[in-house]
């Protein structure tokens, strides 16, 4: 079985900032079912999901997947993190859209 990976973009964030992503799956298929998200620190491939969100379970409504709020911890390492958002829909191969979060230093520091 093949897996379809799609980069949805890169987002710069600072420590303490939070965001909630939504993903519309209409271009892939309708009525997605989603597994848990994962947040991976790219410098060492460690899973930091539990430190960045209270739950790793997205919700689905129609063709939209809403991720739980993701908040950069105050002690997060600067660098890039991968947010995987796997889902299946309509009997198609698993889709794994992902977002790159880049934790940056505040301006002037």
Protein backbone atom coordinates (compact mmCIF):
# COMPACT_ATOMS: atom_id res chain seq x y z
CA UNK A 1 0.00 0.00 0.00
CA UNK A 2 1.30 3.48 -0.82
CA UNK A 3 1.26 6.46 1.50
CA UNK A 4 0.74 10.01 0.28
CA UNK A 5 2.85 12.58 2.15
CA UNK A 6 2.14 16.27 1.53
CA UNK A 7 3.92 19.30 3.02
CA UNK A 8 1.25 21.80 4.02
CA UNK A 9 3.72 24.56 4.85
CA UNK A 10 6.11 25.97 7.42
CA UNK A 11 5.08 28.11 10.36
CA UNK A 12 7.45 30.14 12.55
CA UNK A 13 6.52 30.25 16.22
CA UNK A 14 8.07 31.46 19.44
CA UNK A 15 8.13 29.77 22.82
CA UNK A 16 4.77 30.11 24.56
CA UNK A 17 2.79 30.66 21.33
CA UNK A 18 -0.09 28.37 20.44
CA UNK A 19 -1.98 27.51 17.27
CA UNK A 20 -4.85 25.31 16.12
CA UNK A 21 -4.62 23.95 12.58
CA UNK A 22 -7.49 22.79 10.39
CA UNK A 23 -7.06 20.66 7.31
CA UNK A 24 -9.66 20.29 4.56
CA UNK A 25 -9.37 16.88 2.90
CA UNK A 26 -11.66 17.50 -0.07
CA UNK A 27 -8.74 17.29 -2.53
CA UNK A 28 -7.97 13.77 -1.28
CA UNK A 29 -11.34 12.31 -0.32
CA UNK A 30 -14.40 12.97 1.80
CA UNK A 31 -15.23 12.03 5.38
CA UNK A 32 -11.75 11.46 6.80
CA UNK A 33 -11.05 9.37 9.84
CA UNK A 34 -7.97 10.42 11.69
CA UNK A 35 -5.46 8.78 13.92
CA UNK A 36 -3.47 10.60 16.56
CA UNK A 37 -1.13 13.41 15.50
CA UNK A 38 2.54 13.33 16.33
CA UNK A 39 5.06 16.13 16.81
CA UNK A 40 8.66 15.14 16.13
CA UNK A 41 11.77 17.20 16.92
CA UNK A 42 13.75 16.90 13.69
CA UNK A 43 17.24 17.35 15.19
CA UNK A 44 17.03 14.03 17.05
CA UNK A 45 13.71 12.44 15.93
CA UNK A 46 12.31 12.57 19.48
CA UNK A 47 8.54 12.56 19.95
CA UNK A 48 7.52 15.73 21.84
CA UNK A 49 3.75 15.43 21.30
CA UNK A 50 2.90 15.11 25.01
CA UNK A 51 4.86 18.28 25.81
CA UNK A 52 3.21 20.36 23.08
CA UNK A 53 -0.49 19.43 23.32
CA UNK A 54 -2.94 18.13 25.93
CA UNK A 55 -4.32 15.53 23.53
CA UNK A 56 -3.01 14.06 20.31
CA UNK A 57 -6.50 13.34 19.00
CA UNK A 58 -7.89 15.52 16.20
CA UNK A 59 -11.61 15.85 15.49
CA UNK A 60 -13.34 15.43 12.14
CA UNK A 61 -16.43 17.16 10.78
CA UNK A 62 -17.36 16.62 7.15
CA UNK A 63 -14.13 17.10 5.16
CA UNK A 64 -12.34 19.08 7.89
CA UNK A 65 -9.85 17.75 10.44
CA UNK A 66 -9.23 20.08 13.39
CA UNK A 67 -6.07 19.47 15.36
CA UNK A 68 -5.92 20.05 19.10
CA UNK A 69 -4.20 23.27 20.14
CA UNK A 70 -0.45 23.03 19.79
CA UNK A 71 1.57 25.24 22.16
CA UNK A 72 5.35 25.64 22.04
CA UNK A 73 6.66 24.93 25.55
CA UNK A 74 8.68 27.68 27.22
CA UNK A 75 11.74 25.43 27.29
CA UNK A 76 11.44 24.07 23.73
CA UNK A 77 14.69 23.87 21.77
CA UNK A 78 15.00 26.26 18.86
CA UNK A 79 14.77 24.46 15.54
CA UNK A 80 12.32 22.54 13.40
CA UNK A 81 9.53 20.19 14.42
CA UNK A 82 7.35 18.01 12.20
CA UNK A 83 3.61 17.79 12.89
CA UNK A 84 2.23 14.62 11.23
CA UNK A 85 -1.52 14.52 10.54
CA UNK A 86 -2.28 11.02 9.23
CA UNK A 87 -5.80 10.18 8.06
CA UNK A 88 -7.67 7.74 5.83
CA UNK A 89 -10.72 8.50 3.70
CA UNK A 90 -12.84 6.84 1.10
CA UNK A 91 -10.74 3.67 0.95
CA UNK A 92 -7.76 5.54 -0.47
CA UNK A 93 -4.20 4.97 0.74
CA UNK A 94 -3.34 6.74 3.96
CA UNK A 95 -2.64 10.45 3.58
CA UNK A 96 -0.02 12.07 5.78
CA UNK A 97 -0.10 15.81 5.43
CA UNK A 98 2.44 17.49 7.65
CA UNK A 99 3.44 20.95 8.82
CA UNK A 100 6.92 22.10 9.77
CA UNK A 101 6.98 24.28 12.90
CA UNK A 102 10.13 26.35 13.24
CA UNK A 103 10.74 27.57 16.81
CA UNK A 104 12.61 30.87 16.57
CA UNK A 105 14.14 33.26 19.07
CA UNK A 106 12.24 36.48 19.84
CA UNK A 107 13.44 39.52 17.93
CA UNK A 108 16.15 41.43 19.74
CA UNK A 109 17.40 38.47 21.78
